Every structure is written in C-alpha cells, then in structure tokens.
Amino acid sequence: MAGRPQNRRPRQASRQARRRARRAAARARRRERRNQRLALKERRKQERRTLWEDARNLPNLLTFLRILMIPAVLVFLEWGSPRDCYWAAVIYSLAAITDVLDGWLARRQGLVSVLGKFLDPLADKLIVAAVLVWLVSMGRIPAWTVVVLLSREITITALRGVASSEGLIIAAGSGGKLKTALQMVGIICLIVGYPYHFDLLFYDFGLVDFAHVGRMMIYLSIVFSLTSAASYMSLFADAIEAKNQSGGGTAESGSA
C-alpha cells in the first residue's frame, strides 16, 4: 500500500507533461495560423499597393487614355459630317500613337507590369473592334471583313493563352506587325470616309477617295491576318509537339 502513491506520482507527472505539451502545441498552431493570416493580409495589401502603383505609371495611364478615346471616336463618327469624321480620325491616330508610345516607355523606363500586359492588348482590341463595327453600321466596310478580322484575333488570343499555360513563348512576327500597320492605316482612311484633295511633299495625288483606299488596306490586312495566323498555328503545333517529345520545357518561336 505504501508504494502506490509513489507509482501514482510519475503517472500524474507524465499526464501533466503531456497536457502541457498539448497546450504548447495548440498555442504554437494558433500562433502559426495567426502569422499565416497576418502574412496573407500583408501580401494582399502589398498586391493592392503594387496594382495601384502600376495603374498610376505613365505607360498604363496612356493605355487608360486610349480606352477613354473610344467613345470620343464613336461620337464623332455618329455625327457623321466631314469635319466630324476628320476629328474622329485625329483622335484615332492619337490613340494609335499612344499604343506605340506606352510600350516604348514601359520597356525604356523598366515599367513593364502585369497590369500593363493585360490592359495594352485589351485596349487595342476594344478600340479596333468598336470602330470596325461602327464603320459596318455606317456602310463603309462589308460586315464579313470585320467577322474575319475579329475571328482571327479571338483565335490567336485563345492560342496565346494555351501557349502561356504550357510555358511556350510564341512572339509576334513580321506578318502580324504588317497586318497591324495596314489595319491601322485602313481604319483611319475609313474614318475619314470622304474624298479629299491630297498631296504629299512634291507629288499631287489629286482627289483621293479615302473610303476606297481604306477598304483596300483592310482587304490587304485580311490577307496578312490569315497568313500570319496560319503561320502562328503551325509554329504552335510544332512547339506543342516538341514539348511533348522532350517531356516539358519552354519552346520559343516567332509569328503571329
């Protein structure tokens, strides 16, 4: 009988030690969860701060300005007089200049951002799609041309998304860039829309029907759109096949 209390004490001490260990482990888990919540909150705050800073840098402000120019172009086109169409063409030309300028500034000043990578192509597609659809409603360009151009852009954008998810880099090539240049000039001519006497440097072109010139430019841009899209799809398929054969990695090719 005298030995029982002595045997009970070690067991009690052991139970107390286990309880202390469990309480300490529970406190450690609570601290860890609290630290994780604080870290997540701080990371989200930092992401919001970074996004706000990105939105205020000059290249992205130019991109926002380009988006705001869309309704201005459409309003002048809706009014429809030669003077209004002239101002619509001026605004669209300024938007095209900001498209070149924001990318150049972002690369030169080291201001390339995730927000800019998303907004810049979005702004380009919004202004082109909006103006082309409006020109169709004005009868200055056939509807099928807009369907072809927009279908091409949607297809290539989807393929770029797949390529990015697969870790593939398929950059724009000369065909895609020529398509963009022809499309931009063609849209400006279609916006002007009326015949004007035109001379450049020492050569007099006489009376130029800008609507007709614009349509020819758009038709040419469709040719380059389809050929560059076919080239892009071929390179995309080759890159996917090469990745599957090598078991992963990044493939780089050029076309769009």
C-alpha atoms as a PDB file:
ATOM      1  CA  MET A   1       0.000   0.000   0.000  1.00  0.00           C
ATOM      2  CA  ALA A   2       2.827   2.347   0.776  1.00  0.00           C
ATOM      3  CA  GLY A   3       4.147   2.016  -2.786  1.00  0.00           C
ATOM      4  CA  ARG A   4       1.006   3.097  -4.600  1.00  0.00           C
ATOM      5  CA  PRO A   5       1.312   6.871  -4.093  1.00  0.00           C
ATOM      6  CA  GLN A   6       4.877   6.669  -5.363  1.00  0.00           C
ATOM      7  CA  ASN A   7       3.682   4.889  -8.538  1.00  0.00           C
ATOM      8  CA  ARG A   8       0.865   7.379  -8.973  1.00  0.00           C
ATOM      9  CA  ARG A   9       3.138  10.432  -8.900  1.00  0.00           C
ATOM     10  CA  PRO A  10       5.148   9.535 -12.015  1.00  0.00           C
ATOM     11  CA  ARG A  11       1.925   8.804 -13.895  1.00  0.00           C
ATOM     12  CA  GLN A  12       0.443  12.124 -12.789  1.00  0.00           C
ATOM     13  CA  ALA A  13       3.624  13.915 -13.763  1.00  0.00           C
ATOM     14  CA  SER A  14       3.568  12.178 -17.132  1.00  0.00           C
ATOM     15  CA  ARG A  15      -0.050  13.180 -17.741  1.00  0.00           C
ATOM     16  CA  GLN A  16       0.700  16.755 -16.733  1.00  0.00           C
ATOM     17  CA  ALA A  17       3.683  16.813 -19.059  1.00  0.00           C
ATOM     18  CA  ARG A  18       1.545  15.535 -21.937  1.00  0.00           C
ATOM     19  CA  ARG A  19      -1.131  18.138 -21.188  1.00  0.00           C
ATOM     20  CA  ARG A  20       1.496  20.876 -21.130  1.00  0.00           C
ATOM     21  CA  ALA A  21       2.901  19.570 -24.388  1.00  0.00           C
ATOM     22  CA  ARG A  22      -0.562  19.532 -25.986  1.00  0.00           C
ATOM     23  CA  ARG A  23      -1.278  23.051 -24.749  1.00  0.00           C
ATOM     24  CA  ALA A  24       2.076  24.231 -26.050  1.00  0.00           C
ATOM     25  CA  ALA A  25       1.411  22.565 -29.410  1.00  0.00           C
ATOM     26  CA  ALA A  26      -2.058  24.154 -29.563  1.00  0.00           C
ATOM     27  CA  ARG A  27      -0.560  27.572 -28.774  1.00  0.00           C
ATOM     28  CA  ALA A  28       2.066  27.024 -31.461  1.00  0.00           C
ATOM     29  CA  ARG A  29      -0.613  26.102 -34.007  1.00  0.00           C
ATOM     30  CA  ARG A  30      -2.650  29.179 -33.085  1.00  0.00           C
ATOM     31  CA  ARG A  31       0.445  31.369 -33.438  1.00  0.00           C
ATOM     32  CA  GLU A  32       1.216  29.775 -36.799  1.00  0.00           C
ATOM     33  CA  ARG A  33      -2.338  30.318 -38.055  1.00  0.00           C
ATOM     34  CA  ARG A  34      -2.272  33.903 -36.800  1.00  0.00           C
ATOM     35  CA  ASN A  35       1.074  34.523 -38.503  1.00  0.00           C
ATOM     36  CA  GLN A  36      -0.244  32.982 -41.723  1.00  0.00           C
ATOM     37  CA  ARG A  37      -3.303  35.241 -41.618  1.00  0.00           C
ATOM     38  CA  LEU A  38      -1.131  38.285 -40.993  1.00  0.00           C
ATOM     39  CA  ALA A  39       1.241  37.283 -43.798  1.00  0.00           C
ATOM     40  CA  LEU A  40      -1.677  36.747 -46.194  1.00  0.00           C
ATOM     41  CA  LYS A  41      -3.189  40.087 -45.209  1.00  0.00           C
ATOM     42  CA  GLU A  42       0.147  41.827 -45.723  1.00  0.00           C
ATOM     43  CA  ARG A  43       0.662  40.102 -49.085  1.00  0.00           C
ATOM     44  CA  ARG A  44      -2.785  41.174 -50.275  1.00  0.00           C
ATOM     45  CA  LYS A  45      -2.128  44.703 -49.085  1.00  0.00           C
ATOM     46  CA  GLN A  46       1.174  44.695 -50.969  1.00  0.00           C
ATOM     47  CA  GLU A  47      -0.539  43.364 -54.108  1.00  0.00           C
ATOM     48  CA  ARG A  48      -3.180  46.111 -53.900  1.00  0.00           C
ATOM     49  CA  ARG A  49      -0.460  48.701 -53.364  1.00  0.00           C
ATOM     50  CA  THR A  50       1.537  47.351 -56.323  1.00  0.00           C
ATOM     51  CA  LEU A  51      -1.566  47.290 -58.552  1.00  0.00           C
ATOM     52  CA  TRP A  52      -2.379  50.892 -57.617  1.00  0.00           C
ATOM     53  CA  GLU A  53       1.209  51.966 -58.286  1.00  0.00           C
ATOM     54  CA  ASP A  54       1.149  50.149 -61.641  1.00  0.00           C
ATOM     55  CA  ALA A  55      -2.118  51.865 -62.569  1.00  0.00           C
ATOM     56  CA  ARG A  56      -0.510  55.269 -61.971  1.00  0.00           C
ATOM     57  CA  ASN A  57       2.645  54.766 -64.030  1.00  0.00           C
ATOM     58  CA  LEU A  58       2.834  56.677 -67.314  1.00  0.00           C
ATOM     59  CA  PRO A  59       2.561  53.756 -69.786  1.00  0.00           C
ATOM     60  CA  ASN A  60      -0.592  52.447 -68.104  1.00  0.00           C
ATOM     61  CA  LEU A  61      -2.070  55.949 -67.890  1.00  0.00           C
ATOM     62  CA  LEU A  62      -1.584  56.205 -71.662  1.00  0.00           C
ATOM     63  CA  THR A  63      -3.369  52.878 -72.047  1.00  0.00           C
ATOM     64  CA  PHE A  64      -6.288  54.134 -69.927  1.00  0.00           C
ATOM     65  CA  LEU A  65      -6.353  57.274 -72.080  1.00  0.00           C
ATOM     66  CA  ARG A  66      -6.563  55.115 -75.205  1.00  0.00           C
ATOM     67  CA  ILE A  67      -9.596  53.308 -73.791  1.00  0.00           C
ATOM     68  CA  LEU A  68     -11.246  56.653 -72.971  1.00  0.00           C
ATOM     69  CA  MET A  69     -10.714  57.768 -76.581  1.00  0.00           C
ATOM     70  CA  ILE A  70     -13.039  55.019 -77.871  1.00  0.00           C
ATOM     71  CA  PRO A  71     -16.352  56.790 -77.078  1.00  0.00           C
ATOM     72  CA  ALA A  72     -14.956  60.073 -78.434  1.00  0.00           C
ATOM     73  CA  VAL A  73     -14.177  58.436 -81.799  1.00  0.00           C
ATOM     74  CA  LEU A  74     -17.630  56.833 -81.934  1.00  0.00           C
ATOM     75  CA  VAL A  75     -19.428  60.075 -81.060  1.00  0.00           C
ATOM     76  CA  PHE A  76     -17.717  61.992 -83.874  1.00  0.00           C
ATOM     77  CA  LEU A  77     -18.453  59.132 -86.284  1.00  0.00           C
ATOM     78  CA  GLU A  78     -22.109  59.189 -85.239  1.00  0.00           C
ATOM     79  CA  TRP A  79     -22.350  62.898 -86.042  1.00  0.00           C
ATOM     80  CA  GLY A  80     -21.014  61.955 -89.460  1.00  0.00           C
ATOM     81  CA  SER A  81     -20.146  65.257 -91.152  1.00  0.00           C
ATOM     82  CA  PRO A  82     -16.803  65.536 -92.990  1.00  0.00           C
ATOM     83  CA  ARG A  83     -15.431  67.734 -90.199  1.00  0.00           C
ATOM     84  CA  ASP A  84     -16.627  65.289 -87.511  1.00  0.00           C
ATOM     85  CA  CYS A  85     -15.076  62.340 -89.350  1.00  0.00           C
ATOM     86  CA  TYR A  86     -11.841  64.307 -89.634  1.00  0.00           C
ATOM     87  CA  TRP A  87     -11.734  64.795 -85.859  1.00  0.00           C
ATOM     88  CA  ALA A  88     -12.609  61.140 -85.302  1.00  0.00           C
ATOM     89  CA  ALA A  89      -9.610  60.221 -87.474  1.00  0.00           C
ATOM     90  CA  VAL A  90      -7.373  62.588 -85.493  1.00  0.00           C
ATOM     91  CA  ILE A  91      -8.435  61.033 -82.176  1.00  0.00           C
ATOM     92  CA  TYR A  92      -7.969  57.501 -83.525  1.00  0.00           C
ATOM     93  CA  SER A  93      -4.496  58.465 -84.805  1.00  0.00           C
ATOM     94  CA  LEU A  94      -3.594  59.798 -81.353  1.00  0.00           C
ATOM     95  CA  ALA A  95      -4.811  56.519 -79.855  1.00  0.00           C
ATOM     96  CA  ALA A  96      -2.554  54.622 -82.265  1.00  0.00           C
ATOM     97  CA  ILE A  97       0.387  56.821 -81.228  1.00  0.00           C
ATOM     98  CA  THR A  98      -0.263  56.102 -77.539  1.00  0.00           C
ATOM     99  CA  ASP A  99      -0.263  52.384 -78.403  1.00  0.00           C
ATOM    100  CA  VAL A 100       3.303  52.672 -79.694  1.00  0.00           C
ATOM    101  CA  LEU A 101       4.377  55.129 -77.008  1.00  0.00           C
ATOM    102  CA  ASP A 102       3.190  53.217 -73.934  1.00  0.00           C
ATOM    103  CA  GLY A 103       5.067  50.054 -74.920  1.00  0.00           C
ATOM    104  CA  TRP A 104       8.231  52.015 -75.694  1.00  0.00           C
ATOM    105  CA  LEU A 105       8.084  53.898 -72.383  1.00  0.00           C
ATOM    106  CA  ALA A 106       7.385  50.725 -70.394  1.00  0.00           C
ATOM    107  CA  ARG A 107      10.457  48.987 -71.835  1.00  0.00           C
ATOM    108  CA  ARG A 108      12.736  52.033 -71.689  1.00  0.00           C
ATOM    109  CA  GLN A 109      11.854  53.026 -68.108  1.00  0.00           C
ATOM    110  CA  GLY A 110      11.543  49.487 -66.742  1.00  0.00           C
ATOM    111  CA  LEU A 111       7.817  49.924 -66.069  1.00  0.00           C
ATOM    112  CA  VAL A 112       6.604  46.692 -67.644  1.00  0.00           C
ATOM    113  CA  SER A 113       3.854  45.376 -65.345  1.00  0.00           C
ATOM    114  CA  VAL A 114       1.291  42.592 -65.183  1.00  0.00           C
ATOM    115  CA  LEU A 115      -1.473  45.211 -65.383  1.00  0.00           C
ATOM    116  CA  GLY A 116       0.094  46.704 -68.496  1.00  0.00           C
ATOM    117  CA  LYS A 117       0.462  43.300 -70.163  1.00  0.00           C
ATOM    118  CA  PHE A 118      -3.258  42.774 -69.622  1.00  0.00           C
ATOM    119  CA  LEU A 119      -4.549  46.270 -70.424  1.00  0.00           C
ATOM    120  CA  ASP A 120      -2.481  47.075 -73.526  1.00  0.00           C
ATOM    121  CA  PRO A 121      -3.771  44.279 -75.807  1.00  0.00           C
ATOM    122  CA  LEU A 122      -7.255  44.685 -74.316  1.00  0.00           C
ATOM    123  CA  ALA A 123      -7.293  48.390 -75.233  1.00  0.00           C
ATOM    124  CA  ASP A 124      -6.064  47.596 -78.760  1.00  0.00           C
ATOM    125  CA  LYS A 125      -8.773  45.022 -79.372  1.00  0.00           C
ATOM    126  CA  LEU A 126     -11.505  47.189 -77.840  1.00  0.00           C
ATOM    127  CA  ILE A 127     -10.815  50.237 -79.995  1.00  0.00           C
ATOM    128  CA  VAL A 128     -10.340  48.227 -83.210  1.00  0.00           C
ATOM    129  CA  ALA A 129     -13.478  46.132 -82.651  1.00  0.00           C
ATOM    130  CA  ALA A 130     -15.634  49.113 -81.645  1.00  0.00           C
ATOM    131  CA  VAL A 131     -14.583  51.266 -84.607  1.00  0.00           C
ATOM    132  CA  LEU A 132     -14.853  48.442 -87.167  1.00  0.00           C
ATOM    133  CA  VAL A 133     -18.364  47.519 -86.004  1.00  0.00           C
ATOM    134  CA  TRP A 134     -19.369  51.191 -86.163  1.00  0.00           C
ATOM    135  CA  LEU A 135     -17.946  51.506 -89.686  1.00  0.00           C
ATOM    136  CA  VAL A 136     -20.042  48.492 -90.727  1.00  0.00           C
ATOM    137  CA  SER A 137     -23.154  50.216 -89.371  1.00  0.00           C
ATOM    138  CA  MET A 138     -22.233  53.275 -91.473  1.00  0.00           C
ATOM    139  CA  GLY A 139     -21.877  51.127 -94.606  1.00  0.00           C
ATOM    140  CA  ARG A 140     -18.210  51.964 -95.129  1.00  0.00           C
ATOM    141  CA  ILE A 141     -16.954  48.394 -94.930  1.00  0.00           C
ATOM    142  CA  PRO A 142     -18.560  44.970 -95.512  1.00  0.00           C
ATOM    143  CA  ALA A 143     -19.566  43.048 -92.401  1.00  0.00           C
ATOM    144  CA  TRP A 144     -17.695  39.900 -93.470  1.00  0.00           C
ATOM    145  CA  THR A 145     -14.344  41.705 -93.206  1.00  0.00           C
ATOM    146  CA  VAL A 146     -15.000  42.516 -89.553  1.00  0.00           C
ATOM    147  CA  VAL A 147     -16.108  38.935 -88.862  1.00  0.00           C
ATOM    148  CA  VAL A 148     -12.869  37.592 -90.377  1.00  0.00           C
ATOM    149  CA  LEU A 149     -10.621  40.050 -88.529  1.00  0.00           C
ATOM    150  CA  LEU A 150     -12.285  39.608 -85.144  1.00  0.00           C
ATOM    151  CA  SER A 151     -12.432  35.818 -85.509  1.00  0.00           C
ATOM    152  CA  ARG A 152      -8.722  35.791 -86.234  1.00  0.00           C
ATOM    153  CA  GLU A 153      -7.972  37.915 -83.165  1.00  0.00           C
ATOM    154  CA  ILE A 154     -10.114  35.724 -80.893  1.00  0.00           C
ATOM    155  CA  THR A 155      -8.470  32.551 -82.219  1.00  0.00           C
ATOM    156  CA  ILE A 156      -4.909  33.835 -81.824  1.00  0.00           C
ATOM    157  CA  THR A 157      -5.668  35.233 -78.365  1.00  0.00           C
ATOM    158  CA  ALA A 158      -7.009  31.839 -77.295  1.00  0.00           C
ATOM    159  CA  LEU A 159      -3.924  30.076 -78.674  1.00  0.00           C
ATOM    160  CA  ARG A 160      -1.666  32.545 -76.855  1.00  0.00           C
ATOM    161  CA  GLY A 161      -3.453  31.694 -73.617  1.00  0.00           C
ATOM    162  CA  VAL A 162      -2.920  27.978 -74.197  1.00  0.00           C
ATOM    163  CA  ALA A 163       0.722  28.563 -75.137  1.00  0.00           C
ATOM    164  CA  SER A 164       1.279  30.601 -71.981  1.00  0.00           C
ATOM    165  CA  SER A 165      -0.289  27.895 -69.804  1.00  0.00           C
ATOM    166  CA  GLU A 166       2.017  25.337 -71.443  1.00  0.00           C
ATOM    167  CA  GLY A 167       5.096  27.502 -70.841  1.00  0.00           C
ATOM    168  CA  LEU A 168       5.575  28.283 -74.542  1.00  0.00           C
ATOM    169  CA  ILE A 169       6.605  31.677 -75.907  1.00  0.00           C
ATOM    170  CA  ILE A 170       5.328  32.429 -79.410  1.00  0.00           C
ATOM    171  CA  ALA A 171       6.155  36.039 -80.242  1.00  0.00           C
ATOM    172  CA  ALA A 172       4.652  38.292 -82.925  1.00  0.00           C
ATOM    173  CA  GLY A 173       6.424  38.133 -86.257  1.00  0.00           C
ATOM    174  CA  SER A 174       6.691  40.473 -89.240  1.00  0.00           C
ATOM    175  CA  GLY A 175       3.432  39.245 -90.821  1.00  0.00           C
ATOM    176  CA  GLY A 176       1.410  40.137 -87.760  1.00  0.00           C
ATOM    177  CA  LYS A 177       3.102  43.530 -87.455  1.00  0.00           C
ATOM    178  CA  LEU A 178       2.442  44.333 -91.126  1.00  0.00           C
ATOM    179  CA  LYS A 179      -1.179  43.303 -90.635  1.00  0.00           C
ATOM    180  CA  THR A 180      -1.457  45.686 -87.690  1.00  0.00           C
ATOM    181  CA  ALA A 181       0.060  48.591 -89.669  1.00  0.00           C
ATOM    182  CA  LEU A 182      -2.226  48.050 -92.680  1.00  0.00           C
ATOM    183  CA  GLN A 183      -5.239  47.709 -90.407  1.00  0.00           C
ATOM    184  CA  MET A 184      -4.419  50.920 -88.561  1.00  0.00           C
ATOM    185  CA  VAL A 185      -3.956  52.964 -91.766  1.00  0.00           C
ATOM    186  CA  GLY A 186      -7.041  51.378 -93.329  1.00  0.00           C
ATOM    187  CA  ILE A 187      -9.232  52.224 -90.345  1.00  0.00           C
ATOM    188  CA  ILE A 188      -8.007  55.835 -90.325  1.00  0.00           C
ATOM    189  CA  CYS A 189      -8.844  56.171 -94.037  1.00  0.00           C
ATOM    190  CA  LEU A 190     -12.278  54.623 -93.483  1.00  0.00           C
ATOM    191  CA  ILE A 191     -12.942  57.005 -90.603  1.00  0.00           C
ATOM    192  CA  VAL A 192     -12.090  59.989 -92.830  1.00  0.00           C
ATOM    193  CA  GLY A 193     -14.512  58.453 -95.310  1.00  0.00           C
ATOM    194  CA  TYR A 194     -14.841  61.351 -97.760  1.00  0.00           C
ATOM    195  CA  PRO A 195     -12.865  62.271-100.918  1.00  0.00           C
ATOM    196  CA  TYR A 196     -10.193  64.906-100.320  1.00  0.00           C
ATOM    197  CA  HIS A 197      -7.604  66.590-102.473  1.00  0.00           C
ATOM    198  CA  PHE A 198      -4.327  65.104-101.261  1.00  0.00           C
ATOM    199  CA  ASP A 199      -0.711  65.964-101.983  1.00  0.00           C
ATOM    200  CA  LEU A 200       2.399  64.666-100.264  1.00  0.00           C
ATOM    201  CA  LEU A 201       5.709  66.525-100.453  1.00  0.00           C
ATOM    202  CA  PHE A 202       6.175  67.290-104.164  1.00  0.00           C
ATOM    203  CA  TYR A 203       3.582  64.874-105.566  1.00  0.00           C
ATOM    204  CA  ASP A 204      -0.062  65.767-106.085  1.00  0.00           C
ATOM    205  CA  PHE A 205      -2.362  62.740-105.753  1.00  0.00           C
ATOM    206  CA  GLY A 206      -5.413  64.732-106.792  1.00  0.00           C
ATOM    207  CA  LEU A 207      -8.817  63.820-105.383  1.00  0.00           C
ATOM    208  CA  VAL A 208      -8.448  60.733-103.180  1.00  0.00           C
ATOM    209  CA  ASP A 209     -11.420  58.616-102.098  1.00  0.00           C
ATOM    210  CA  PHE A 210     -10.256  57.724 -98.591  1.00  0.00           C
ATOM    211  CA  ALA A 211     -13.091  55.239 -98.045  1.00  0.00           C
ATOM    212  CA  HIS A 212     -11.955  53.238-101.099  1.00  0.00           C
ATOM    213  CA  VAL A 213      -8.296  53.399-100.011  1.00  0.00           C
ATOM    214  CA  GLY A 214      -9.306  52.263 -96.529  1.00  0.00           C
ATOM    215  CA  ARG A 215     -11.196  49.264 -97.877  1.00  0.00           C
ATOM    216  CA  MET A 216      -8.199  48.214 -99.979  1.00  0.00           C
ATOM    217  CA  MET A 217      -5.972  48.475 -96.892  1.00  0.00           C
ATOM    218  CA  ILE A 218      -8.378  46.356 -94.849  1.00  0.00           C
ATOM    219  CA  TYR A 219      -8.521  43.718 -97.593  1.00  0.00           C
ATOM    220  CA  LEU A 220      -4.712  43.581 -97.620  1.00  0.00           C
ATOM    221  CA  SER A 221      -4.649  43.353 -93.830  1.00  0.00           C
ATOM    222  CA  ILE A 222      -7.023  40.369 -94.042  1.00  0.00           C
ATOM    223  CA  VAL A 223      -4.569  38.570 -96.347  1.00  0.00           C
ATOM    224  CA  PHE A 224      -1.714  39.131 -93.892  1.00  0.00           C
ATOM    225  CA  SER A 225      -4.006  38.301 -90.958  1.00  0.00           C
ATOM    226  CA  LEU A 226      -4.843  34.883 -92.371  1.00  0.00           C
ATOM    227  CA  THR A 227      -1.288  34.051 -93.479  1.00  0.00           C
ATOM    228  CA  SER A 228       0.226  35.132 -90.156  1.00  0.00           C
ATOM    229  CA  ALA A 229      -2.484  33.218 -88.271  1.00  0.00           C
ATOM    230  CA  ALA A 230      -1.728  30.073 -90.292  1.00  0.00           C
ATOM    231  CA  SER A 231       1.991  30.503 -89.578  1.00  0.00           C
ATOM    232  CA  TYR A 232       1.283  31.013 -85.881  1.00  0.00           C
ATOM    233  CA  MET A 233      -0.875  27.888 -85.711  1.00  0.00           C
ATOM    234  CA  SER A 234       1.834  25.853 -87.446  1.00  0.00           C
ATOM    235  CA  LEU A 235       4.509  27.068 -85.030  1.00  0.00           C
ATOM    236  CA  PHE A 236       2.160  26.493 -82.103  1.00  0.00           C
ATOM    237  CA  ALA A 237       1.565  22.892 -83.186  1.00  0.00           C
ATOM    238  CA  ASP A 238       5.325  22.347 -83.683  1.00  0.00           C
ATOM    239  CA  ALA A 239       6.084  23.817 -80.248  1.00  0.00           C
ATOM    240  CA  ILE A 240       3.483  21.604 -78.553  1.00  0.00           C
ATOM    241  CA  GLU A 241       4.831  18.523 -80.351  1.00  0.00           C
ATOM    242  CA  ALA A 242       8.426  19.403 -79.429  1.00  0.00           C
ATOM    243  CA  LYS A 243       7.441  19.891 -75.798  1.00  0.00           C
ATOM    244  CA  ASN A 244       5.614  16.559 -75.690  1.00  0.00           C
ATOM    245  CA  GLN A 245       8.608  14.777 -77.184  1.00  0.00           C
ATOM    246  CA  SER A 246      11.077  16.421 -74.796  1.00  0.00           C
ATOM    247  CA  GLY A 247       8.821  15.931 -71.782  1.00  0.00           C
ATOM    248  CA  GLY A 248       8.439  19.628 -70.928  1.00  0.00           C
ATOM    249  CA  GLY A 249      10.327  22.863 -71.062  1.00  0.00           C
ATOM    250  CA  THR A 250       9.887  26.133 -72.894  1.00  0.00           C
ATOM    251  CA  ALA A 251       9.859  26.469 -76.651  1.00  0.00           C
ATOM    252  CA  GLU A 252      10.289  29.785 -78.385  1.00  0.00           C
ATOM    253  CA  SER A 253       9.205  30.674 -81.875  1.00  0.00           C
ATOM    254  CA  GLY A 254       8.133  33.775 -83.756  1.00  0.00           C
ATOM    255  CA  SER A 255       4.982  34.599 -85.629  1.00  0.00           C
ATOM    256  CA  ALA A 256       1.525  35.979 -85.060  1.00  0.00           C
END
